[in-house]
Amino acid sequence: MTALGLIDRGAIETTFFAAAVLFVLGLDDVLLDLIAVAVRRADQHVLTVASVRHLRFAVFIPAWREEQVIGAMLRATLARYDHPAYRLYIGCYPNDPATADAVRTIDDPRVRLVVGDHDGPTTKADCLNQLWQALTAEAESRPHAVVLHDAEDMVHPLELRVTEQALRGAALVQLPVLPLIDPARRWLTGHYADEFAETHARDLVARAALGAALPLAGVGCAIRYDALERLAEATGLPFAADSLTEDYELGLRAASLGMAVRFVRRRDAGGGLIATRAYFPDTLTHAVRQKARWIGGIALAGWDRTGWGAPRATERWMRWRDRRAPLAATAVATGYLAATLAAASMLAHHWRGVSSPGMGRGLRTLLVANAMLLGWRLIARAHLTAAAYGWREGLRALPRIAVANVVLMLSAWRALRLHVAGLRGAPPPWDKTAHRFPDLP
């Protein structure tokens, strides 16, 4: 076969593979869209503050080299929380004195600095376990629930109040997360906004309606103290220190033990969503590092660590969706390769003055179907982003899908390399990314 023949054949084969996989993934998304639309939207409900007995909260904030943001975050949290019974526990390491010193500048009895007994970085889960051990040692101040946050989070004033109400009927509660969009890095930070708008206004809503296990996001989530004690029964510690995505696993582990996990969307009196807001990575390098950790922990290590859950079709479907990122990255990369080969084939045939070989009817039909599914996906994503951030960002979500595809492909490749290293015995790293905190008046 000639070189041109190889290019033609490669273009057809790669096009078919990419089109077939993307068709399946597209139908998968459409079905979830329809389920989410059919569910009555709870986020239209405004939080009503009832006169009930207040729960006591311990807010865990693991920190490694967060001296640039932790002080501002703690001051803002103390000023913003509208709740009378909470305490902030910040976990630091002996070899990170700068972060510990920044915490010590906050002179407030509600702030508790916990310096671990070994150097960092370890994993975020290990730091959370250090906080848990410090909390359990304070028997006289045992809280009703533990809330998880990161050092760059901006909390909503009513977070603890809505969590307080939800925990009366659940063991674990997750509130929405809304990434902040940096106008100077709108395309990269905005793609996080697009993806979380889908995940926390569609995926988790549909997942809850189907009765499938709900994973936690690691921030803006609360776990009852007795639930953490039960999760800690096997090893003595509630968080899986050898996991890259302990938050995701925590929700699934709790559901497997029969605990109720709820996803709650409520709005304040001004119409704003009660959610955690934060800046996500604003450089390609840091975005890839963060998403590689998510893909590695959920899609790759998750096969062995969490299995496929209860033998129900809906549960297996949700686990498949959790783990489809590497397949999606492969299909997207193959699609770009197919387009490149097709363009090369057309140019080569034009230069030689001969007609290009046509594709079969079946492949043409598949490409038309994929074009329709892509149109649906773009409209759905733009709608969800616009609902959270306004119509301008909704329109920007359309071209930003290309940014998301690039980050996905690079992250999947990095996740695969780290996973292979882990199989060879390398410890899971705390893959640190740079953080920033919003400028608040």
Protein backbone atom coordinates (compact mmCIF):
# COMPACT_ATOMS: atom_id res chain seq x y z
CA MET A 1 0.00 0.00 0.00
CA THR A 2 1.29 3.46 -0.91
CA ALA A 3 1.93 6.19 1.62
CA LEU A 4 -1.17 8.03 0.40
CA GLY A 5 -3.17 4.85 0.74
CA LEU A 6 -2.00 4.49 4.32
CA ILE A 7 -3.08 8.06 5.07
CA ASP A 8 -6.50 7.41 3.53
CA ARG A 9 -6.93 4.20 5.48
CA GLY A 10 -5.73 5.81 8.70
CA ALA A 11 -8.18 8.68 8.27
CA ILE A 12 -11.11 6.30 7.85
CA GLU A 13 -10.17 4.02 10.76
CA THR A 14 -9.45 6.80 13.24
CA THR A 15 -12.60 8.64 12.21
CA PHE A 16 -14.71 5.55 12.78
CA PHE A 17 -13.18 4.83 16.19
CA ALA A 18 -13.57 8.41 17.42
CA ALA A 19 -17.08 8.74 16.00
CA ALA A 20 -18.26 5.45 17.52
CA VAL A 21 -16.96 6.25 21.01
CA LEU A 22 -18.18 9.84 20.95
CA PHE A 23 -21.60 8.65 19.80
CA VAL A 24 -21.90 6.39 22.86
CA LEU A 25 -20.67 9.15 25.18
CA GLY A 26 -23.03 11.64 23.57
CA LEU A 27 -26.07 9.40 24.09
CA ASP A 28 -24.91 8.89 27.66
CA ASP A 29 -24.97 12.65 28.25
CA VAL A 30 -28.33 13.16 26.56
CA LEU A 31 -29.97 10.54 28.75
CA LEU A 32 -28.61 12.22 31.89
CA ASP A 33 -29.78 15.62 30.60
CA LEU A 34 -33.32 14.32 30.16
CA ILE A 35 -33.37 12.80 33.64
CA ALA A 36 -32.12 16.04 35.21
CA VAL A 37 -34.76 18.07 33.36
CA ALA A 38 -37.47 15.72 34.57
CA VAL A 39 -36.41 16.13 38.20
CA ARG A 40 -38.06 18.92 40.07
CA ARG A 41 -35.39 21.51 40.67
CA ALA A 42 -34.79 22.01 44.40
CA ASP A 43 -32.44 24.96 43.87
CA GLN A 44 -35.45 27.23 43.40
CA HIS A 45 -36.24 26.84 47.09
CA VAL A 46 -35.10 29.67 49.36
CA LEU A 47 -33.56 28.71 52.67
CA THR A 48 -35.79 29.46 55.63
CA VAL A 49 -33.96 29.75 58.93
CA ALA A 50 -35.94 27.75 61.45
CA SER A 51 -35.66 28.12 65.20
CA VAL A 52 -34.03 24.76 65.86
CA ARG A 53 -31.27 23.67 68.20
CA HIS A 54 -27.97 24.55 66.59
CA LEU A 55 -25.50 21.83 65.72
CA ARG A 56 -21.84 22.31 66.58
CA PHE A 57 -19.43 22.17 63.64
CA ALA A 58 -15.72 21.50 63.27
CA VAL A 59 -14.42 22.87 59.96
CA PHE A 60 -11.37 20.95 58.69
CA ILE A 61 -8.94 22.88 56.47
CA PRO A 62 -5.85 20.89 55.40
CA ALA A 63 -2.97 23.12 54.34
CA TRP A 64 0.41 22.61 52.72
CA ARG A 65 2.34 25.73 51.69
CA GLU A 66 -0.76 27.93 51.82
CA GLU A 67 0.85 30.94 53.52
CA GLN A 68 -0.29 33.20 50.67
CA VAL A 69 -4.01 32.52 51.15
CA ILE A 70 -4.73 30.90 54.51
CA GLY A 71 -4.78 34.13 56.52
CA ALA A 72 -7.24 35.87 54.20
CA MET A 73 -9.37 32.74 53.98
CA LEU A 74 -9.63 32.38 57.77
CA ARG A 75 -10.46 36.04 58.31
CA ALA A 76 -13.14 35.94 55.62
CA THR A 77 -14.63 32.71 56.96
CA LEU A 78 -14.84 34.07 60.49
CA ALA A 79 -16.50 37.24 59.21
CA ARG A 80 -18.90 35.54 56.80
CA TYR A 81 -20.28 32.53 58.68
CA ASP A 82 -23.72 33.25 60.11
CA HIS A 83 -23.74 30.58 62.79
CA PRO A 84 -23.01 30.59 66.52
CA ALA A 85 -21.33 27.20 66.98
CA TYR A 86 -18.30 26.31 64.91
CA ARG A 87 -14.53 26.02 65.16
CA LEU A 88 -11.90 26.02 62.42
CA TYR A 89 -9.20 23.32 62.52
CA ILE A 90 -6.23 24.00 60.23
CA GLY A 91 -3.83 21.15 59.56
CA CYS A 92 -0.17 22.04 58.93
CA TYR A 93 3.20 20.24 58.80
CA PRO A 94 6.34 20.74 60.91
CA ASN A 95 8.37 21.58 57.79
CA ASP A 96 5.91 24.25 56.66
CA PRO A 97 6.39 26.98 59.31
CA ALA A 98 5.23 29.77 56.97
CA THR A 99 1.70 28.40 56.78
CA ALA A 100 1.58 27.77 60.53
CA ASP A 101 2.81 31.31 61.23
CA ALA A 102 0.09 32.73 58.96
CA VAL A 103 -2.54 30.81 60.93
CA ARG A 104 -1.11 32.09 64.23
CA THR A 105 -1.71 35.68 63.11
CA ILE A 106 -5.46 35.03 63.45
CA ASP A 107 -6.22 35.82 67.08
CA ASP A 108 -9.60 34.15 67.52
CA PRO A 109 -10.63 31.36 69.92
CA ARG A 110 -12.52 29.67 67.08
CA VAL A 111 -9.25 28.97 65.24
CA ARG A 112 -7.31 25.85 66.17
CA LEU A 113 -3.89 25.18 64.61
CA VAL A 114 -2.93 21.51 64.37
CA VAL A 115 0.67 20.75 63.41
CA GLY A 116 1.10 17.10 62.44
CA ASP A 117 3.75 14.78 63.80
CA HIS A 118 5.57 14.18 60.48
CA ASP A 119 6.84 16.29 57.62
CA GLY A 120 4.85 16.94 54.48
CA PRO A 121 3.64 16.79 51.98
CA THR A 122 1.79 13.52 52.44
CA THR A 123 -1.74 13.35 51.06
CA LYS A 124 -4.70 15.57 51.77
CA ALA A 125 -6.43 12.60 53.41
CA ASP A 126 -3.48 12.06 55.74
CA CYS A 127 -3.67 15.70 56.81
CA LEU A 128 -7.41 15.30 57.42
CA ASN A 129 -6.70 12.27 59.59
CA GLN A 130 -4.29 14.35 61.67
CA LEU A 131 -7.12 16.83 62.21
CA TRP A 132 -9.49 14.02 63.12
CA GLN A 133 -7.09 12.71 65.73
CA ALA A 134 -6.72 16.19 67.23
CA LEU A 135 -10.50 16.57 67.31
CA THR A 136 -11.16 13.22 68.97
CA ALA A 137 -8.57 14.07 71.63
CA GLU A 138 -10.77 17.02 72.65
CA ALA A 139 -13.60 14.97 74.10
CA GLU A 140 -15.13 17.96 75.88
CA SER A 141 -15.77 19.83 72.61
CA ARG A 142 -17.06 17.03 70.43
CA PRO A 143 -19.01 18.55 67.50
CA HIS A 144 -22.10 17.15 65.84
CA ALA A 145 -20.53 17.29 62.37
CA VAL A 146 -17.32 18.00 60.45
CA VAL A 147 -17.23 20.32 57.43
CA LEU A 148 -14.47 20.07 54.83
CA HIS A 149 -12.90 23.06 53.08
CA ASP A 150 -9.71 24.00 51.25
CA ALA A 151 -7.44 26.93 52.04
CA GLU A 152 -8.65 28.96 49.03
CA ASP A 153 -12.42 28.58 49.62
CA MET A 154 -14.81 31.47 50.06
CA VAL A 155 -17.72 30.19 52.13
CA HIS A 156 -21.31 31.33 51.88
CA PRO A 157 -22.63 32.99 55.06
CA LEU A 158 -25.57 30.56 55.27
CA GLU A 159 -23.57 27.41 54.56
CA LEU A 160 -23.68 26.04 58.10
CA ARG A 161 -27.36 26.85 58.48
CA VAL A 162 -28.46 24.99 55.36
CA THR A 163 -26.08 22.14 56.26
CA GLU A 164 -27.54 22.06 59.76
CA GLN A 165 -31.03 21.50 58.40
CA ALA A 166 -29.96 18.91 55.83
CA LEU A 167 -27.98 16.85 58.37
CA ARG A 168 -31.11 16.21 60.39
CA GLY A 169 -32.12 13.74 57.72
CA ALA A 170 -28.77 12.62 56.35
CA ALA A 171 -25.35 11.48 57.47
CA LEU A 172 -23.43 13.38 54.77
CA VAL A 173 -24.35 16.53 52.86
CA GLN A 174 -22.78 18.13 49.79
CA LEU A 175 -23.48 21.72 48.76
CA PRO A 176 -22.70 23.07 45.27
CA VAL A 177 -19.30 24.40 44.25
CA LEU A 178 -19.04 27.43 41.95
CA PRO A 179 -15.57 28.13 40.52
CA LEU A 180 -14.78 31.83 40.22
CA ILE A 181 -13.89 33.11 36.76
CA ASP A 182 -10.81 35.32 36.55
CA PRO A 183 -11.39 37.94 33.80
CA ALA A 184 -7.65 37.89 33.07
CA ARG A 185 -7.66 34.10 32.60
CA ARG A 186 -11.24 33.72 31.45
CA TRP A 187 -10.76 30.79 29.07
CA LEU A 188 -8.90 28.49 31.45
CA THR A 189 -10.67 29.36 34.70
CA GLY A 190 -13.96 29.51 32.85
CA HIS A 191 -13.80 25.91 31.72
CA TYR A 192 -13.96 24.88 35.38
CA ALA A 193 -17.11 26.98 35.72
CA ASP A 194 -18.65 25.21 32.72
CA GLU A 195 -17.84 21.75 34.05
CA PHE A 196 -18.99 22.38 37.62
CA ALA A 197 -22.18 23.98 36.33
CA GLU A 198 -22.90 20.66 34.62
CA THR A 199 -21.78 18.48 37.51
CA HIS A 200 -23.57 20.35 40.30
CA ALA A 201 -26.71 21.38 38.43
CA ARG A 202 -27.19 18.22 36.35
CA ASP A 203 -25.06 15.19 37.25
CA LEU A 204 -25.57 15.14 41.02
CA VAL A 205 -29.21 16.17 40.70
CA ALA A 206 -29.90 13.24 38.36
CA ARG A 207 -27.72 10.93 40.41
CA ALA A 208 -29.71 11.68 43.56
CA ALA A 209 -33.00 11.16 41.71
CA LEU A 210 -31.80 7.73 40.54
CA GLY A 211 -30.85 6.71 44.07
CA ALA A 212 -27.19 6.19 43.16
CA ALA A 213 -24.35 6.80 45.61
CA LEU A 214 -23.28 10.45 45.76
CA PRO A 215 -19.56 11.29 45.86
CA LEU A 216 -18.34 14.28 47.84
CA ALA A 217 -16.44 17.18 46.28
CA GLY A 218 -14.05 17.66 49.20
CA VAL A 219 -15.24 21.21 49.92
CA GLY A 220 -18.63 22.50 51.00
CA CYS A 221 -19.49 19.07 52.41
CA ALA A 222 -20.40 17.99 55.92
CA ILE A 223 -20.28 14.61 57.66
CA ARG A 224 -21.91 13.81 60.97
CA TYR A 225 -19.42 12.96 63.70
CA ASP A 226 -20.98 9.56 64.34
CA ALA A 227 -20.77 8.79 60.60
CA LEU A 228 -17.05 9.53 60.65
CA GLU A 229 -16.66 7.28 63.67
CA ARG A 230 -18.35 4.49 61.76
CA LEU A 231 -16.19 5.09 58.69
CA ALA A 232 -13.13 4.91 60.92
CA GLU A 233 -14.04 1.54 62.46
CA ALA A 234 -11.98 -0.54 60.02
CA THR A 235 -8.67 1.33 60.26
CA GLY A 236 -9.17 3.76 63.13
CA LEU A 237 -9.11 6.71 60.72
CA PRO A 238 -12.00 7.95 58.56
CA PHE A 239 -10.06 9.20 55.53
CA ALA A 240 -8.19 6.91 53.12
CA ALA A 241 -4.63 8.24 53.40
CA ASP A 242 -3.45 6.24 50.38
CA SER A 243 -6.09 7.74 48.09
CA LEU A 244 -5.72 10.65 45.65
CA THR A 245 -9.47 11.35 45.84
CA GLU A 246 -10.49 10.60 49.42
CA ASP A 247 -13.47 12.97 49.14
CA TYR A 248 -14.96 11.09 46.19
CA GLU A 249 -14.46 7.75 47.94
CA LEU A 250 -15.92 8.99 51.22
CA GLY A 251 -19.40 9.47 49.77
CA LEU A 252 -19.36 6.07 48.07
CA ARG A 253 -18.09 4.31 51.21
CA ALA A 254 -20.80 5.94 53.28
CA ALA A 255 -23.51 4.89 50.83
CA SER A 256 -22.22 1.30 50.85
CA LEU A 257 -22.72 1.28 54.63
CA GLY A 258 -26.31 2.40 54.26
CA MET A 259 -25.76 6.04 55.25
CA ALA A 260 -27.90 8.72 53.65
CA VAL A 261 -25.93 11.14 51.47
CA ARG A 262 -27.72 14.26 50.19
CA PHE A 263 -26.91 16.88 47.60
CA VAL A 264 -28.61 20.14 48.56
CA ARG A 265 -29.17 23.21 46.39
CA ARG A 266 -30.75 26.18 48.16
CA ARG A 267 -30.80 29.90 47.49
CA ASP A 268 -30.51 32.82 49.88
CA ALA A 269 -33.04 35.64 50.14
CA GLY A 270 -31.24 37.53 47.37
CA GLY A 271 -31.50 34.62 44.96
CA GLY A 272 -27.84 33.64 45.20
CA LEU A 273 -26.94 29.97 45.31
CA ILE A 274 -25.66 28.83 48.70
CA ALA A 275 -22.38 27.37 47.49
CA THR A 276 -18.62 27.35 47.98
CA ARG A 277 -16.79 29.69 45.63
CA ALA A 278 -13.09 29.53 44.84
CA TYR A 279 -10.51 30.28 42.19
CA PHE A 280 -9.32 27.15 40.45
CA PRO A 281 -5.90 26.80 38.72
CA ASP A 282 -5.34 29.55 36.17
CA THR A 283 -2.38 28.04 34.30
CA LEU A 284 -2.39 25.03 32.01
CA THR A 285 0.31 23.26 34.02
CA HIS A 286 -1.58 23.52 37.30
CA ALA A 287 -4.92 22.64 35.70
CA VAL A 288 -3.41 19.48 34.23
CA ARG A 289 -1.84 18.52 37.57
CA GLN A 290 -5.14 18.95 39.39
CA LYS A 291 -7.27 17.09 36.87
CA ALA A 292 -4.72 14.31 36.56
CA ARG A 293 -5.20 13.68 40.28
CA TRP A 294 -8.96 13.50 39.80
CA ILE A 295 -8.73 11.16 36.82
CA GLY A 296 -6.10 8.99 38.48
CA GLY A 297 -8.00 8.65 41.74
CA ILE A 298 -11.49 8.20 40.30
CA ALA A 299 -11.15 6.65 36.86
CA LEU A 300 -8.00 4.53 37.26
CA ALA A 301 -7.49 3.65 40.94
CA GLY A 302 -11.25 3.66 41.50
CA TRP A 303 -11.69 0.34 39.70
CA ASP A 304 -9.86 -1.46 42.51
CA ARG A 305 -10.63 0.87 45.41
CA THR A 306 -14.40 1.34 45.12
CA GLY A 307 -15.51 -1.34 42.67
CA TRP A 308 -18.87 -1.05 40.92
CA GLY A 309 -21.12 -0.62 43.93
CA ALA A 310 -24.53 -2.20 44.38
CA PRO A 311 -25.68 -4.49 41.56
CA ARG A 312 -28.21 -1.98 40.28
CA ALA A 313 -28.18 -0.69 36.73
CA THR A 314 -28.28 2.96 37.84
CA GLU A 315 -25.34 2.52 40.22
CA ARG A 316 -23.24 0.75 37.60
CA TRP A 317 -24.12 3.49 35.12
CA MET A 318 -22.94 6.24 37.46
CA ARG A 319 -19.67 4.41 38.19
CA TRP A 320 -19.16 4.07 34.43
CA ARG A 321 -19.69 7.81 34.03
CA ASP A 322 -17.19 8.47 36.81
CA ARG A 323 -14.55 6.40 35.00
CA ARG A 324 -15.10 7.30 31.39
CA ALA A 325 -12.64 10.23 31.31
CA PRO A 326 -9.67 8.22 29.93
CA LEU A 327 -11.89 6.78 27.18
CA ALA A 328 -13.23 10.24 26.39
CA ALA A 329 -9.70 11.66 26.24
CA THR A 330 -8.64 8.86 23.88
CA ALA A 331 -11.65 9.46 21.62
CA VAL A 332 -11.08 13.23 21.53
CA ALA A 333 -7.37 12.81 20.75
CA THR A 334 -8.21 10.26 18.05
CA GLY A 335 -10.77 12.66 16.62
CA TYR A 336 -8.18 15.40 16.27
CA LEU A 337 -5.81 12.90 14.67
CA ALA A 338 -8.55 11.81 12.27
CA ALA A 339 -9.21 15.41 11.25
CA THR A 340 -5.49 15.94 10.64
CA LEU A 341 -5.22 12.80 8.51
CA ALA A 342 -8.36 13.69 6.56
CA ALA A 343 -6.99 17.16 5.83
CA ALA A 344 -3.65 15.67 4.73
CA SER A 345 -5.48 13.21 2.49
CA MET A 346 -7.53 15.95 0.84
CA LEU A 347 -4.47 18.11 0.23
CA ALA A 348 -2.48 15.20 -1.18
CA HIS A 349 -5.26 14.18 -3.56
CA HIS A 350 -5.79 17.78 -4.64
CA TRP A 351 -2.06 18.19 -5.31
CA ARG A 352 -2.07 15.02 -7.42
CA GLY A 353 -5.21 16.08 -9.23
CA VAL A 354 -7.24 13.01 -8.27
CA SER A 355 -10.46 12.72 -6.29
CA SER A 356 -10.39 11.75 -2.62
CA PRO A 357 -11.90 8.40 -1.64
CA GLY A 358 -15.35 8.79 -0.18
CA MET A 359 -16.46 7.38 3.15
CA GLY A 360 -19.18 4.78 3.52
CA ARG A 361 -22.81 5.62 4.13
CA GLY A 362 -22.71 4.21 7.64
CA LEU A 363 -19.81 6.42 8.67
CA ARG A 364 -21.48 9.48 7.17
CA THR A 365 -24.64 8.72 9.12
CA LEU A 366 -22.61 8.32 12.31
CA LEU A 367 -20.90 11.68 11.76
CA VAL A 368 -24.24 13.42 11.19
CA ALA A 369 -25.60 11.89 14.41
CA ASN A 370 -22.49 13.05 16.27
CA ALA A 371 -22.91 16.57 14.90
CA MET A 372 -26.44 16.62 16.32
CA LEU A 373 -25.26 15.28 19.67
CA LEU A 374 -22.49 17.88 19.78
CA GLY A 375 -25.04 20.60 19.11
CA TRP A 376 -27.17 19.32 21.97
CA ARG A 377 -24.15 19.18 24.28
CA LEU A 378 -23.08 22.73 23.45
CA ILE A 379 -26.58 24.11 23.99
CA ALA A 380 -27.00 22.22 27.27
CA ARG A 381 -23.61 23.36 28.58
CA ALA A 382 -24.22 26.97 27.56
CA HIS A 383 -27.61 26.90 29.27
CA LEU A 384 -26.24 25.55 32.56
CA THR A 385 -23.31 27.97 32.57
CA ALA A 386 -25.61 30.90 31.78
CA ALA A 387 -27.91 29.90 34.65
CA ALA A 388 -24.99 30.13 37.08
CA TYR A 389 -22.88 32.96 35.60
CA GLY A 390 -25.03 34.93 33.15
CA TRP A 391 -25.63 34.77 29.41
CA ARG A 392 -22.22 36.16 28.42
CA GLU A 393 -20.41 33.31 30.13
CA GLY A 394 -22.97 30.95 28.67
CA LEU A 395 -21.91 32.03 25.18
CA ARG A 396 -18.22 31.76 26.09
CA ALA A 397 -18.84 28.19 27.20
CA LEU A 398 -19.27 27.22 23.54
CA PRO A 399 -15.68 27.83 22.38
CA ARG A 400 -14.30 26.96 25.85
CA ILE A 401 -15.10 23.31 25.21
CA ALA A 402 -11.93 23.24 23.09
CA VAL A 403 -9.93 24.34 26.15
CA ALA A 404 -11.60 21.62 28.21
CA ASN A 405 -10.63 19.04 25.58
CA VAL A 406 -6.96 20.05 25.66
CA VAL A 407 -6.87 19.90 29.47
CA LEU A 408 -8.64 16.52 29.40
CA MET A 409 -6.16 14.94 26.99
CA LEU A 410 -3.08 16.20 28.83
CA SER A 411 -4.52 15.28 32.22
CA ALA A 412 -5.42 11.75 31.16
CA TRP A 413 -1.89 11.15 29.91
CA ARG A 414 -0.36 12.47 33.15
CA ALA A 415 -2.83 10.42 35.22
CA LEU A 416 -1.86 7.26 33.36
CA ARG A 417 1.85 7.86 34.00
CA LEU A 418 1.26 8.52 37.71
CA HIS A 419 -0.98 5.47 37.98
CA VAL A 420 1.69 3.24 36.48
CA ALA A 421 4.21 4.71 38.93
CA GLY A 422 1.81 3.94 41.76
CA LEU A 423 1.48 0.34 40.61
CA ARG A 424 5.26 0.12 40.87
CA GLY A 425 5.16 1.25 44.49
CA ALA A 426 5.46 5.04 44.31
CA PRO A 427 3.49 6.73 47.15
CA PRO A 428 0.54 8.94 46.13
CA PRO A 429 1.72 12.58 46.11
CA TRP A 430 -0.12 15.68 47.27
CA ASP A 431 0.10 17.24 43.82
CA LYS A 432 0.24 20.86 44.94
CA THR A 433 -1.24 23.64 42.81
CA ALA A 434 -0.95 27.38 43.39
CA HIS A 435 -3.97 28.97 45.09
CA ARG A 436 -5.36 32.47 45.41
CA PHE A 437 -8.14 34.03 47.47
CA PRO A 438 -10.63 36.62 46.19
CA ASP A 439 -10.11 40.28 47.05
CA LEU A 440 -13.00 41.08 49.36
CA PRO A 441 -14.13 44.48 50.62
